[in-house]
Amino acid sequence: MTPSTLGRRALLGFAIALSFAAITAPVAPAAHAADYPDRPVKIVLGFAPGGATDGLARVLARMLSERMGQQFIVDNKPGAATRIGIEAAQKAPADGYTIGLATAVTTAFPLMFDGVTFAPGKDFAPISMLGRAPTFLMVRKDLPAKDYKEFVALGKKDGKLTLGHPGNGSNPHIAGLALARAAGMPVTPIPYKGTQPTATAVGAGEVDFAMMEYAVARPMVEAGKARLLAVTEPRRSAIQPDVPTGRELGITKDVEGLTPWFIMFAPIGTPKPVVDALNRQLREVLAMPEVRQQLAQLGVEPESSSTAEAAAYFNDQRARINKLVGELQLSLKN
């Protein structure tokens, strides 16, 4: 065998190896997705247990566990206006085994924290919309106002109404200030450490009102310690059909739709087949009558979407919040 023959064979072997690598490399994500999931999956939340967000995540985790053959575990990491939980999911390995749940407050991250961004396609990979939790105007039981009209009249006359909220930049904070501006009445915001302490404060009479999702307001309402005067959605809530909408009451559109919403996301770079598999499962789960009934009890209106629709919705809401925060002249820096 001559040196030239050896050289040709070596080159041929090297070329074959390169060809094999080129053929197999793109297939790796698909092969991974075909077996997905083959171990437990974490759903990271920036919220403490309790409330609509936690309840929604647990319903979905249970259904995904049953359908996908691996356990989906809710991992609560509250704090820093949900930033701790969001970043834990965002910075996890992009393999589909840690996913997160974004809410309305995440659209305000750049306004709250220096150097922090959270944009679909750049900082996270949207999986699907999950739903919305209509916001109610919740007042203490003995507030001398039997309806929204009297509530506004009292606020304008007294000028001392207090607004409870679960933190700077939260949906209840911004919605409460937007409502006060629309009504032309001054309010004093008082922060609490979470939605449940806020609702409890309304029930105890520590503050006059709050903008609250039904899952959190419900215990105080059912105990007769608080009342619901309005819902900010364009249509009445199926779970509280006697409560009038802001549109019926003449509340401006700045307030309409300022309500908690939920998007499931994965770290950027997660294989598309994995994201697509989760999207498909979520769309099927959210269409199931028993799941819709369970979520209705939490005050959540299920709504699934494509990944592109979830990204578009997030961007629309971010633009709206940025505009509203500017108009309210709010400083959200933490």
Protein backbone atom coordinates (compact mmCIF):
# COMPACT_ATOMS: atom_id res chain seq x y z
CA MET A 1 0.00 0.00 0.00
CA THR A 2 1.52 3.33 -1.05
CA PRO A 3 1.53 6.55 0.98
CA SER A 4 -0.72 8.09 -1.66
CA THR A 5 -3.26 5.29 -1.19
CA LEU A 6 -3.18 5.80 2.56
CA GLY A 7 -3.71 9.51 2.08
CA ARG A 8 -6.71 8.94 -0.17
CA ARG A 9 -8.26 6.49 2.28
CA ALA A 10 -7.70 8.84 5.20
CA LEU A 11 -9.36 11.67 3.31
CA LEU A 12 -12.26 9.41 2.34
CA GLY A 13 -12.75 8.32 5.94
CA PHE A 14 -12.64 11.92 7.15
CA ALA A 15 -15.22 12.96 4.53
CA ILE A 16 -17.54 10.12 5.57
CA ALA A 17 -17.24 11.15 9.22
CA LEU A 18 -18.09 14.75 8.37
CA SER A 19 -21.08 13.69 6.30
CA PHE A 20 -22.37 11.50 9.13
CA ALA A 21 -22.02 14.37 11.61
CA ALA A 22 -23.81 16.74 9.27
CA ILE A 23 -26.68 14.31 8.81
CA THR A 24 -27.15 13.44 12.47
CA ALA A 25 -26.62 16.84 14.14
CA PRO A 26 -29.92 18.46 13.03
CA VAL A 27 -31.84 15.36 14.06
CA ALA A 28 -30.80 15.58 17.72
CA PRO A 29 -33.59 17.96 18.88
CA ALA A 30 -36.26 15.92 17.09
CA ALA A 31 -34.94 12.71 18.61
CA HIS A 32 -34.96 14.37 22.00
CA ALA A 33 -38.53 15.58 21.47
CA ALA A 34 -39.73 12.11 20.46
CA ASP A 35 -38.92 10.85 23.95
CA TYR A 36 -40.09 14.02 25.73
CA PRO A 37 -40.69 13.98 28.59
CA ASP A 38 -38.63 11.13 30.01
CA ARG A 39 -38.33 12.63 33.50
CA PRO A 40 -40.30 15.09 35.70
CA VAL A 41 -40.92 18.64 34.48
CA LYS A 42 -40.94 21.72 36.73
CA ILE A 43 -43.42 24.58 36.24
CA VAL A 44 -41.83 27.54 38.04
CA LEU A 45 -44.10 30.29 39.41
CA GLY A 46 -43.15 33.68 40.80
CA PHE A 47 -46.09 33.42 43.21
CA ALA A 48 -46.69 31.87 46.61
CA PRO A 49 -49.21 29.00 46.88
CA GLY A 50 -52.84 30.13 46.67
CA GLY A 51 -54.60 32.43 44.23
CA ALA A 52 -55.60 32.00 40.62
CA THR A 53 -52.07 31.68 39.23
CA ASP A 54 -51.07 28.87 41.57
CA GLY A 55 -54.42 27.13 41.16
CA LEU A 56 -54.22 27.33 37.36
CA ALA A 57 -50.70 25.89 37.36
CA ARG A 58 -51.72 22.98 39.59
CA VAL A 59 -54.72 22.06 37.44
CA LEU A 60 -52.55 22.08 34.32
CA ALA A 61 -49.71 20.19 36.05
CA ARG A 62 -52.10 17.42 37.05
CA MET A 63 -53.56 17.09 33.57
CA LEU A 64 -50.18 17.20 31.80
CA SER A 65 -48.86 14.55 34.18
CA GLU A 66 -51.74 12.24 33.28
CA ARG A 67 -51.46 12.84 29.54
CA MET A 68 -47.68 12.91 29.06
CA GLY A 69 -46.69 10.10 31.41
CA GLN A 70 -44.31 12.10 33.60
CA GLN A 71 -44.90 14.22 36.66
CA PHE A 72 -45.26 17.99 36.17
CA ILE A 73 -44.36 19.69 39.45
CA VAL A 74 -45.32 23.24 40.47
CA ASP A 75 -42.31 25.01 41.98
CA ASN A 76 -43.27 28.23 43.81
CA LYS A 77 -40.51 30.87 43.93
CA PRO A 78 -42.19 34.12 45.03
CA GLY A 79 -40.51 37.47 45.50
CA ALA A 80 -39.30 40.63 43.74
CA ALA A 81 -42.59 41.15 41.87
CA THR A 82 -42.35 37.57 40.45
CA ARG A 83 -38.84 38.24 39.06
CA ILE A 84 -37.25 35.45 41.14
CA GLY A 85 -39.52 32.79 39.68
CA ILE A 86 -39.42 34.18 36.15
CA GLU A 87 -35.63 34.26 36.05
CA ALA A 88 -35.36 30.78 37.56
CA ALA A 89 -37.36 29.45 34.60
CA GLN A 90 -35.85 31.77 32.01
CA LYS A 91 -32.24 30.83 32.89
CA ALA A 92 -32.84 27.09 33.26
CA PRO A 93 -31.39 24.65 30.70
CA ALA A 94 -33.30 24.92 27.42
CA ASP A 95 -34.36 21.28 27.38
CA GLY A 96 -38.08 21.52 28.22
CA TYR A 97 -37.72 20.21 31.77
CA THR A 98 -38.14 23.63 33.39
CA ILE A 99 -40.89 25.89 32.10
CA GLY A 100 -42.42 29.03 33.53
CA LEU A 101 -45.61 31.01 33.75
CA ALA A 102 -45.56 34.68 32.76
CA THR A 103 -48.25 37.09 33.93
CA ALA A 104 -49.20 40.71 33.34
CA VAL A 105 -46.57 42.03 35.75
CA THR A 106 -43.74 40.66 33.59
CA THR A 107 -44.56 43.20 30.88
CA ALA A 108 -43.48 45.93 33.32
CA PHE A 109 -40.10 44.38 34.21
CA PRO A 110 -38.07 46.92 32.15
CA LEU A 111 -39.89 49.72 34.01
CA MET A 112 -39.24 48.12 37.40
CA PHE A 113 -35.68 46.83 37.21
CA ASP A 114 -32.63 48.40 35.58
CA GLY A 115 -31.09 46.26 32.87
CA VAL A 116 -33.88 43.67 32.90
CA THR A 117 -35.70 42.74 29.69
CA PHE A 118 -38.34 40.13 29.03
CA ALA A 119 -39.30 39.91 25.37
CA PRO A 120 -40.76 36.94 23.46
CA GLY A 121 -38.34 35.38 21.01
CA LYS A 122 -35.40 37.13 22.67
CA ASP A 123 -35.62 36.38 26.38
CA PHE A 124 -38.15 33.54 26.40
CA ALA A 125 -39.97 31.14 24.09
CA PRO A 126 -43.78 31.44 24.38
CA ILE A 127 -45.64 28.12 24.49
CA SER A 128 -49.31 29.15 24.75
CA MET A 129 -51.78 31.53 26.28
CA LEU A 130 -53.51 29.86 29.22
CA GLY A 131 -56.30 32.25 30.15
CA ARG A 132 -57.37 35.38 31.99
CA ALA A 133 -58.70 36.07 35.49
CA PRO A 134 -61.21 38.94 35.42
CA THR A 135 -60.50 41.73 37.90
CA PHE A 136 -63.20 42.87 40.31
CA LEU A 137 -63.58 46.12 42.23
CA MET A 138 -63.66 44.79 45.80
CA VAL A 139 -64.67 47.08 48.68
CA ARG A 140 -64.86 46.63 52.44
CA LYS A 141 -68.29 45.55 53.66
CA ASP A 142 -69.08 48.75 55.56
CA LEU A 143 -67.95 51.25 52.94
CA PRO A 144 -70.88 53.69 52.65
CA ALA A 145 -71.43 53.04 48.95
CA LYS A 146 -73.88 50.42 47.72
CA ASP A 147 -72.80 50.60 44.06
CA TYR A 148 -70.12 51.99 41.76
CA LYS A 149 -71.83 55.36 41.33
CA GLU A 150 -71.91 55.92 45.08
CA PHE A 151 -68.33 54.64 45.36
CA VAL A 152 -67.11 57.33 42.97
CA ALA A 153 -69.21 60.02 44.67
CA LEU A 154 -67.73 59.04 48.03
CA GLY A 155 -64.20 59.09 46.64
CA LYS A 156 -64.63 62.55 45.14
CA LYS A 157 -66.25 63.96 48.26
CA ASP A 158 -64.02 62.36 50.86
CA GLY A 159 -60.75 62.34 48.93
CA LYS A 160 -59.33 59.80 51.35
CA LEU A 161 -60.11 56.38 49.88
CA THR A 162 -57.30 53.87 50.30
CA LEU A 163 -56.28 51.39 47.60
CA GLY A 164 -54.76 48.11 48.75
CA HIS A 165 -52.45 46.38 46.29
CA PRO A 166 -49.90 43.52 46.30
CA GLY A 167 -46.88 45.50 45.13
CA ASN A 168 -45.52 48.25 42.94
CA GLY A 169 -46.23 47.56 39.28
CA SER A 170 -48.65 44.71 39.96
CA ASN A 171 -51.84 44.46 37.93
CA PRO A 172 -54.04 45.42 40.95
CA HIS A 173 -51.81 48.45 41.58
CA ILE A 174 -51.96 49.78 38.03
CA ALA A 175 -55.65 48.87 37.57
CA GLY A 176 -56.59 50.61 40.83
CA LEU A 177 -54.80 53.82 39.88
CA ALA A 178 -56.27 53.70 36.36
CA LEU A 179 -59.75 53.30 37.83
CA ALA A 180 -59.21 56.24 40.19
CA ARG A 181 -57.98 58.41 37.33
CA ALA A 182 -60.96 57.44 35.17
CA ALA A 183 -63.32 58.32 38.03
CA GLY A 184 -61.52 61.58 38.77
CA MET A 185 -60.93 60.80 42.44
CA PRO A 186 -57.75 60.80 44.53
CA VAL A 187 -56.67 57.61 46.31
CA THR A 188 -53.86 56.60 48.63
CA PRO A 189 -52.14 53.36 47.55
CA ILE A 190 -51.12 50.99 50.36
CA PRO A 191 -48.91 48.00 49.43
CA TYR A 192 -49.14 44.52 50.94
CA LYS A 193 -46.99 41.43 50.45
CA GLY A 194 -49.18 39.53 48.03
CA THR A 195 -52.75 39.31 46.80
CA GLN A 196 -54.09 37.29 49.72
CA PRO A 197 -52.84 39.78 52.37
CA THR A 198 -54.37 42.54 50.25
CA ALA A 199 -57.78 40.84 50.12
CA THR A 200 -57.58 40.13 53.86
CA ALA A 201 -56.84 43.82 54.49
CA VAL A 202 -60.00 44.79 52.58
CA GLY A 203 -62.01 42.24 54.56
CA ALA A 204 -60.58 43.56 57.83
CA GLY A 205 -61.39 47.16 56.90
CA GLU A 206 -57.74 48.24 56.84
CA VAL A 207 -58.18 49.63 53.31
CA ASP A 208 -61.26 50.76 51.42
CA PHE A 209 -60.89 48.84 48.17
CA ALA A 210 -58.71 46.72 45.90
CA MET A 211 -58.76 45.43 42.34
CA MET A 212 -58.73 41.69 42.82
CA GLU A 213 -59.14 38.41 40.94
CA TYR A 214 -62.09 36.35 42.14
CA ALA A 215 -60.11 33.39 43.50
CA VAL A 216 -58.49 35.71 46.04
CA ALA A 217 -61.53 37.88 46.77
CA ARG A 218 -63.90 34.94 47.16
CA PRO A 219 -63.23 33.99 50.83
CA MET A 220 -63.82 37.58 51.97
CA VAL A 221 -66.91 37.96 49.79
CA GLU A 222 -68.45 34.65 50.88
CA ALA A 223 -67.75 35.52 54.53
CA GLY A 224 -69.65 38.79 54.10
CA LYS A 225 -66.53 40.86 54.80
CA ALA A 226 -66.28 42.44 51.35
CA ARG A 227 -68.44 43.28 48.34
CA LEU A 228 -67.90 43.33 44.57
CA LEU A 229 -69.08 46.45 42.74
CA ALA A 230 -67.75 45.96 39.19
CA VAL A 231 -65.71 43.73 36.88
CA THR A 232 -63.25 45.25 34.42
CA GLU A 233 -64.02 42.84 31.57
CA PRO A 234 -66.24 43.83 28.61
CA ARG A 235 -68.71 41.08 29.51
CA ARG A 236 -70.07 39.85 32.83
CA SER A 237 -68.27 37.03 34.58
CA ALA A 238 -69.99 33.65 34.52
CA ILE A 239 -68.99 33.09 38.14
CA GLN A 240 -70.44 36.44 39.33
CA PRO A 241 -73.08 37.32 36.72
CA ASP A 242 -74.81 39.91 38.91
CA VAL A 243 -71.74 42.14 39.05
CA PRO A 244 -71.92 44.83 36.32
CA THR A 245 -69.09 45.45 33.88
CA GLY A 246 -67.08 48.62 33.67
CA ARG A 247 -68.56 49.18 30.22
CA GLU A 248 -72.08 49.11 31.67
CA LEU A 249 -71.02 51.58 34.35
CA GLY A 250 -69.32 53.98 31.96
CA ILE A 251 -65.77 53.30 33.14
CA THR A 252 -63.27 54.30 30.45
CA LYS A 253 -61.60 51.74 28.21
CA ASP A 254 -58.26 52.47 29.92
CA VAL A 255 -59.49 50.21 32.71
CA GLU A 256 -61.27 47.59 30.62
CA GLY A 257 -59.29 44.38 30.30
CA LEU A 258 -56.69 45.36 32.91
CA THR A 259 -56.78 41.91 34.34
CA PRO A 260 -54.37 39.09 35.17
CA TRP A 261 -53.48 36.86 32.23
CA PHE A 262 -51.20 33.85 31.92
CA ILE A 263 -48.73 32.60 29.30
CA MET A 264 -46.69 29.40 29.58
CA PHE A 265 -43.11 29.83 28.38
CA ALA A 266 -39.83 27.95 28.01
CA PRO A 267 -36.21 29.14 28.10
CA ILE A 268 -35.02 30.57 24.80
CA GLY A 269 -33.42 27.86 22.69
CA THR A 270 -35.78 25.09 23.80
CA PRO A 271 -36.17 22.71 20.81
CA LYS A 272 -39.17 23.64 18.69
CA PRO A 273 -40.57 20.08 18.71
CA VAL A 274 -40.67 20.22 22.53
CA VAL A 275 -42.42 23.61 22.51
CA ASP A 276 -44.87 22.34 19.89
CA ALA A 277 -45.60 19.20 21.93
CA LEU A 278 -46.40 21.29 25.01
CA ASN A 279 -48.50 23.70 22.97
CA ARG A 280 -50.52 20.84 21.50
CA GLN A 281 -51.13 19.29 24.93
CA LEU A 282 -52.12 22.61 26.51
CA ARG A 283 -54.58 23.43 23.73
CA GLU A 284 -56.25 20.06 24.16
CA VAL A 285 -56.30 20.27 27.97
CA LEU A 286 -57.75 23.80 28.01
CA ALA A 287 -60.59 22.66 25.72
CA MET A 288 -61.67 19.88 28.12
CA PRO A 289 -65.03 20.64 29.82
CA GLU A 290 -63.87 19.34 33.22
CA VAL A 291 -60.77 21.54 33.12
CA ARG A 292 -62.78 24.59 32.09
CA GLN A 293 -65.13 23.94 35.00
CA GLN A 294 -62.26 23.64 37.47
CA LEU A 295 -60.69 26.85 36.22
CA ALA A 296 -64.03 28.67 36.35
CA GLN A 297 -64.10 27.96 40.09
CA LEU A 298 -60.79 29.82 40.30
CA GLY A 299 -62.23 32.72 38.34
CA VAL A 300 -60.03 31.89 35.34
CA GLU A 301 -61.39 32.01 31.80
CA PRO A 302 -59.32 29.48 29.77
CA GLU A 303 -57.82 30.65 26.49
CA SER A 304 -55.19 28.78 24.47
CA SER A 305 -53.23 30.03 21.47
CA SER A 306 -50.43 29.34 19.05
CA THR A 307 -46.92 30.33 20.07
CA ALA A 308 -47.06 33.30 17.69
CA GLU A 309 -50.40 34.48 19.10
CA ALA A 310 -49.01 34.30 22.64
CA ALA A 311 -46.02 36.43 21.62
CA ALA A 312 -48.26 38.99 19.89
CA TYR A 313 -50.55 39.23 22.92
CA PHE A 314 -47.59 39.75 25.25
CA ASN A 315 -46.22 42.55 23.05
CA ASP A 316 -49.62 44.26 22.82
CA GLN A 317 -50.04 44.17 26.59
CA ARG A 318 -46.50 45.45 27.15
CA ALA A 319 -47.17 48.46 24.91
CA ARG A 320 -50.43 49.14 26.74
CA ILE A 321 -48.84 48.96 30.20
CA ASN A 322 -45.93 51.18 29.15
CA LYS A 323 -48.35 53.80 27.83
CA LEU A 324 -50.55 53.66 30.92
CA VAL A 325 -47.64 53.87 33.36
CA GLY A 326 -46.41 56.95 31.51
CA GLU A 327 -49.84 58.59 31.61
CA LEU A 328 -50.16 57.83 35.33
CA GLN A 329 -46.65 59.24 35.87
CA LEU A 330 -45.73 56.20 37.91
CA SER A 331 -42.23 55.28 38.96
CA LEU A 332 -42.05 51.50 39.24
CA LYS A 333 -38.35 51.22 40.07
CA ASN A 334 -37.72 48.74 42.88
